Amino acid sequence: MDAVRLILTSRRALAGGADAGEIMAEVWQAQALAQAIGSRLAVSGPPELRGEALGLTELAGRGCGVLDPPDLDLGDLRAAQLTELADARETLLCLQGLLGEVGMALVGTASSAADETTYWQCMEAIDAADESRDRVLEMLRKLAAREEALQENGNQNSPSGV
């Protein structure tokens, strides 16, 4: 399944989380998906993104690691359904939004946590989501710089680009 569709599915599921357990499971799913997207970009994405993509993979993995993994069948794991990453820019824009929503959901969950373990899991997961989002923003910046350089080179090579 395409990365953008999976991200949109995660955003809907996160928004529909009714209790802390469901929200934490969806946060875990979102981080696992970010990890899978980072891995895909590191292997087959634009060369300018590979270092940041590896960083995203590590940070999102940390985001999964601080949370208790949800009890999911392999078919329900969105990261395992990732088969296509058609447009890196669109994927990163959508992932940026998802990670922002993850952070907000975690703040809400932490503020109403019934126990200290959940609170601290949320705090660590917030850090991981914020750092992951920073990596995504850096990749978007690098893509924009790449596009700008390509346009400048195209204009310099054309007769009207004087």
C-alpha atoms as a PDB file:
ATOM      1  CA  MET A   1       0.000   0.000   0.000  1.00  0.00           C
ATOM      2  CA  ASP A   2       1.165   3.543  -0.694  1.00  0.00           C
ATOM      3  CA  ALA A   3       2.811   5.438   2.178  1.00  0.00           C
ATOM      4  CA  VAL A   4       0.409   8.391   1.932  1.00  0.00           C
ATOM      5  CA  ARG A   5      -2.641   6.111   2.258  1.00  0.00           C
ATOM      6  CA  LEU A   6      -1.106   4.423   5.284  1.00  0.00           C
ATOM      7  CA  ILE A   7      -0.313   7.773   6.896  1.00  0.00           C
ATOM      8  CA  LEU A   8      -3.880   8.975   6.337  1.00  0.00           C
ATOM      9  CA  THR A   9      -5.193   5.736   7.854  1.00  0.00           C
ATOM     10  CA  SER A  10      -2.942   6.299  10.881  1.00  0.00           C
ATOM     11  CA  ARG A  11      -4.130   9.881  11.258  1.00  0.00           C
ATOM     12  CA  ARG A  12      -7.772   8.776  11.257  1.00  0.00           C
ATOM     13  CA  ALA A  13      -7.090   5.968  13.718  1.00  0.00           C
ATOM     14  CA  LEU A  14      -5.148   8.279  16.043  1.00  0.00           C
ATOM     15  CA  ALA A  15      -7.957  10.831  15.984  1.00  0.00           C
ATOM     16  CA  GLY A  16     -10.463   8.079  16.773  1.00  0.00           C
ATOM     17  CA  GLY A  17      -8.546   6.727  19.768  1.00  0.00           C
ATOM     18  CA  ALA A  18     -11.024   6.562  22.622  1.00  0.00           C
ATOM     19  CA  ASP A  19      -8.740   5.836  25.557  1.00  0.00           C
ATOM     20  CA  ALA A  20      -5.083   5.948  26.535  1.00  0.00           C
ATOM     21  CA  GLY A  21      -4.493   2.342  25.477  1.00  0.00           C
ATOM     22  CA  GLU A  22      -5.848   2.928  21.970  1.00  0.00           C
ATOM     23  CA  ILE A  23      -3.932   6.178  21.611  1.00  0.00           C
ATOM     24  CA  MET A  24      -0.669   4.563  22.729  1.00  0.00           C
ATOM     25  CA  ALA A  25      -1.232   1.707  20.256  1.00  0.00           C
ATOM     26  CA  GLU A  26      -1.795   4.206  17.447  1.00  0.00           C
ATOM     27  CA  VAL A  27       1.285   6.190  18.458  1.00  0.00           C
ATOM     28  CA  TRP A  28       3.288   2.972  18.281  1.00  0.00           C
ATOM     29  CA  GLN A  29       1.807   2.250  14.827  1.00  0.00           C
ATOM     30  CA  ALA A  30       2.679   5.774  13.639  1.00  0.00           C
ATOM     31  CA  GLN A  31       6.266   5.477  14.860  1.00  0.00           C
ATOM     32  CA  ALA A  32       6.626   2.053  13.225  1.00  0.00           C
ATOM     33  CA  LEU A  33       5.331   3.535   9.981  1.00  0.00           C
ATOM     34  CA  ALA A  34       7.775   6.458  10.233  1.00  0.00           C
ATOM     35  CA  GLN A  35      10.554   3.928  10.783  1.00  0.00           C
ATOM     36  CA  ALA A  36       9.525   1.969   7.678  1.00  0.00           C
ATOM     37  CA  ILE A  37       9.308   5.144   5.576  1.00  0.00           C
ATOM     38  CA  GLY A  38      12.734   6.241   6.810  1.00  0.00           C
ATOM     39  CA  SER A  39      14.176   2.851   5.882  1.00  0.00           C
ATOM     40  CA  ARG A  40      12.637   2.987   2.425  1.00  0.00           C
ATOM     41  CA  LEU A  41      13.986   6.500   1.808  1.00  0.00           C
ATOM     42  CA  ALA A  42      17.426   5.527   3.102  1.00  0.00           C
ATOM     43  CA  VAL A  43      17.636   2.656   0.636  1.00  0.00           C
ATOM     44  CA  SER A  44      15.916   4.004  -2.461  1.00  0.00           C
ATOM     45  CA  GLY A  45      15.158   7.684  -1.880  1.00  0.00           C
ATOM     46  CA  PRO A  46      16.964  10.698  -3.275  1.00  0.00           C
ATOM     47  CA  PRO A  47      20.660  10.610  -2.262  1.00  0.00           C
ATOM     48  CA  GLU A  48      20.359  13.945  -0.419  1.00  0.00           C
ATOM     49  CA  LEU A  49      17.888  12.383   2.010  1.00  0.00           C
ATOM     50  CA  ARG A  50      19.663   9.180   2.907  1.00  0.00           C
ATOM     51  CA  GLY A  51      21.489  10.397   6.026  1.00  0.00           C
ATOM     52  CA  GLU A  52      18.411  12.093   7.470  1.00  0.00           C
ATOM     53  CA  ALA A  53      16.293   9.079   6.514  1.00  0.00           C
ATOM     54  CA  LEU A  54      18.589   6.797   8.507  1.00  0.00           C
ATOM     55  CA  GLY A  55      18.244   9.194  11.431  1.00  0.00           C
ATOM     56  CA  LEU A  56      14.461   9.065  11.097  1.00  0.00           C
ATOM     57  CA  THR A  57      14.598   5.280  11.126  1.00  0.00           C
ATOM     58  CA  GLU A  58      16.609   5.291  14.363  1.00  0.00           C
ATOM     59  CA  LEU A  59      14.480   7.931  16.091  1.00  0.00           C
ATOM     60  CA  ALA A  60      11.188   6.330  15.120  1.00  0.00           C
ATOM     61  CA  GLY A  61      12.561   3.006  16.307  1.00  0.00           C
ATOM     62  CA  ARG A  62      13.310   4.646  19.639  1.00  0.00           C
ATOM     63  CA  GLY A  63       9.729   5.945  19.652  1.00  0.00           C
ATOM     64  CA  CYS A  64       8.473   2.381  19.303  1.00  0.00           C
ATOM     65  CA  GLY A  65      10.940   1.090  21.866  1.00  0.00           C
ATOM     66  CA  VAL A  66       9.773   3.349  24.691  1.00  0.00           C
ATOM     67  CA  LEU A  67       6.178   2.170  24.295  1.00  0.00           C
ATOM     68  CA  ASP A  68       4.693  -1.199  25.037  1.00  0.00           C
ATOM     69  CA  PRO A  69       4.079  -2.848  21.663  1.00  0.00           C
ATOM     70  CA  PRO A  70       0.390  -3.302  20.920  1.00  0.00           C
ATOM     71  CA  ASP A  71      -1.047  -6.778  20.516  1.00  0.00           C
ATOM     72  CA  LEU A  72      -1.492  -6.777  16.729  1.00  0.00           C
ATOM     73  CA  ASP A  73      -1.759  -9.383  14.050  1.00  0.00           C
ATOM     74  CA  LEU A  74       0.888  -8.950  11.365  1.00  0.00           C
ATOM     75  CA  GLY A  75      -1.860  -7.973   8.911  1.00  0.00           C
ATOM     76  CA  ASP A  76      -2.854  -5.068  11.147  1.00  0.00           C
ATOM     77  CA  LEU A  77       0.655  -3.612  11.305  1.00  0.00           C
ATOM     78  CA  ARG A  78       0.567  -0.655   8.923  1.00  0.00           C
ATOM     79  CA  ALA A  79       4.347  -0.510   8.560  1.00  0.00           C
ATOM     80  CA  ALA A  80       4.290  -4.060   7.175  1.00  0.00           C
ATOM     81  CA  GLN A  81       1.748  -2.968   4.547  1.00  0.00           C
ATOM     82  CA  LEU A  82       4.102  -0.344   3.070  1.00  0.00           C
ATOM     83  CA  THR A  83       4.805  -1.358  -0.518  1.00  0.00           C
ATOM     84  CA  GLU A  84       5.083   1.956  -2.329  1.00  0.00           C
ATOM     85  CA  LEU A  85       6.525   5.383  -1.708  1.00  0.00           C
ATOM     86  CA  ALA A  86       5.481   7.169  -4.890  1.00  0.00           C
ATOM     87  CA  ASP A  87       6.253  10.797  -4.029  1.00  0.00           C
ATOM     88  CA  ALA A  88       8.868  11.512  -1.358  1.00  0.00           C
ATOM     89  CA  ARG A  89       7.780  15.124  -0.870  1.00  0.00           C
ATOM     90  CA  GLU A  90       4.079  14.326  -0.453  1.00  0.00           C
ATOM     91  CA  THR A  91       4.915  11.426   1.855  1.00  0.00           C
ATOM     92  CA  LEU A  92       7.125  13.614   4.025  1.00  0.00           C
ATOM     93  CA  LEU A  93       4.515  16.382   4.204  1.00  0.00           C
ATOM     94  CA  CYS A  94       1.889  13.878   5.350  1.00  0.00           C
ATOM     95  CA  LEU A  95       4.311  12.244   7.786  1.00  0.00           C
ATOM     96  CA  GLN A  96       5.146  15.645   9.267  1.00  0.00           C
ATOM     97  CA  GLY A  97       1.449  16.159  10.000  1.00  0.00           C
ATOM     98  CA  LEU A  98       1.076  12.699  11.509  1.00  0.00           C
ATOM     99  CA  LEU A  99       4.067  13.160  13.804  1.00  0.00           C
ATOM    100  CA  GLY A 100       2.701  16.525  14.954  1.00  0.00           C
ATOM    101  CA  GLU A 101      -0.612  14.882  15.783  1.00  0.00           C
ATOM    102  CA  VAL A 102       1.226  12.081  17.590  1.00  0.00           C
ATOM    103  CA  GLY A 103       2.917  14.667  19.797  1.00  0.00           C
ATOM    104  CA  MET A 104      -0.373  16.378  20.617  1.00  0.00           C
ATOM    105  CA  ALA A 105      -2.092  13.072  21.389  1.00  0.00           C
ATOM    106  CA  LEU A 106       0.772  12.108  23.678  1.00  0.00           C
ATOM    107  CA  VAL A 107       0.595  15.414  25.552  1.00  0.00           C
ATOM    108  CA  GLY A 108      -3.097  14.805  26.177  1.00  0.00           C
ATOM    109  CA  THR A 109      -2.478  11.229  27.246  1.00  0.00           C
ATOM    110  CA  ALA A 110       0.384  12.216  29.566  1.00  0.00           C
ATOM    111  CA  SER A 111      -1.665  14.938  31.214  1.00  0.00           C
ATOM    112  CA  SER A 112      -4.402  12.473  32.091  1.00  0.00           C
ATOM    113  CA  ALA A 113      -2.172   9.459  32.798  1.00  0.00           C
ATOM    114  CA  ALA A 114      -3.371   7.340  35.678  1.00  0.00           C
ATOM    115  CA  ASP A 115       0.106   6.061  36.501  1.00  0.00           C
ATOM    116  CA  GLU A 116       3.695   7.218  36.406  1.00  0.00           C
ATOM    117  CA  THR A 117       4.797   4.564  33.892  1.00  0.00           C
ATOM    118  CA  THR A 118       2.350   5.797  31.277  1.00  0.00           C
ATOM    119  CA  TYR A 119       3.330   9.396  31.959  1.00  0.00           C
ATOM    120  CA  TRP A 120       7.040   8.708  31.420  1.00  0.00           C
ATOM    121  CA  GLN A 121       6.388   6.574  28.348  1.00  0.00           C
ATOM    122  CA  CYS A 122       4.470   9.515  26.907  1.00  0.00           C
ATOM    123  CA  MET A 123       7.267  11.955  27.733  1.00  0.00           C
ATOM    124  CA  GLU A 124       9.895   9.811  26.024  1.00  0.00           C
ATOM    125  CA  ALA A 125       7.621   9.151  23.054  1.00  0.00           C
ATOM    126  CA  ILE A 126       6.967  12.912  22.727  1.00  0.00           C
ATOM    127  CA  ASP A 127      10.717  13.497  22.486  1.00  0.00           C
ATOM    128  CA  ALA A 128      11.078  10.777  19.852  1.00  0.00           C
ATOM    129  CA  ALA A 129       8.130  12.124  17.831  1.00  0.00           C
ATOM    130  CA  ASP A 130       9.494  15.687  17.972  1.00  0.00           C
ATOM    131  CA  GLU A 131      12.959  14.582  16.901  1.00  0.00           C
ATOM    132  CA  SER A 132      11.477  12.433  14.133  1.00  0.00           C
ATOM    133  CA  ARG A 133       9.464  15.399  12.941  1.00  0.00           C
ATOM    134  CA  ASP A 134      12.634  17.528  12.927  1.00  0.00           C
ATOM    135  CA  ARG A 135      14.271  14.948  10.634  1.00  0.00           C
ATOM    136  CA  VAL A 136      11.257  15.036   8.327  1.00  0.00           C
ATOM    137  CA  LEU A 137      11.411  18.843   8.194  1.00  0.00           C
ATOM    138  CA  GLU A 138      15.111  18.682   7.332  1.00  0.00           C
ATOM    139  CA  MET A 139      14.394  16.220   4.531  1.00  0.00           C
ATOM    140  CA  LEU A 140      11.700  18.542   3.177  1.00  0.00           C
ATOM    141  CA  ARG A 141      14.191  21.413   3.285  1.00  0.00           C
ATOM    142  CA  LYS A 142      16.743  19.341   1.379  1.00  0.00           C
ATOM    143  CA  LEU A 143      14.155  18.387  -1.232  1.00  0.00           C
ATOM    144  CA  ALA A 144      13.223  22.053  -1.699  1.00  0.00           C
ATOM    145  CA  ALA A 145      16.893  23.001  -2.102  1.00  0.00           C
ATOM    146  CA  ARG A 146      17.325  20.194  -4.634  1.00  0.00           C
ATOM    147  CA  GLU A 147      14.333  21.398  -6.647  1.00  0.00           C
ATOM    148  CA  GLU A 148      15.609  24.968  -6.563  1.00  0.00           C
ATOM    149  CA  ALA A 149      19.048  23.878  -7.769  1.00  0.00           C
ATOM    150  CA  LEU A 150      17.503  21.836 -10.579  1.00  0.00           C
ATOM    151  CA  GLN A 151      15.392  24.810 -11.665  1.00  0.00           C
ATOM    152  CA  GLU A 152      18.386  27.153 -11.599  1.00  0.00           C
ATOM    153  CA  ASN A 153      20.442  24.715 -13.654  1.00  0.00           C
ATOM    154  CA  GLY A 154      17.564  24.335 -16.102  1.00  0.00           C
ATOM    155  CA  ASN A 155      17.220  28.104 -16.484  1.00  0.00           C
ATOM    156  CA  GLN A 156      20.965  28.575 -17.018  1.00  0.00           C
ATOM    157  CA  ASN A 157      20.979  25.979 -19.767  1.00  0.00           C
ATOM    158  CA  SER A 158      17.972  27.378 -21.633  1.00  0.00           C
ATOM    159  CA  PRO A 159      18.304  30.246 -24.128  1.00  0.00           C
ATOM    160  CA  SER A 160      15.756  32.344 -22.212  1.00  0.00           C
ATOM    161  CA  GLY A 161      17.528  31.795 -18.875  1.00  0.00           C
ATOM    162  CA  VAL A 162      19.964  34.678 -19.436  1.00  0.00           C
END
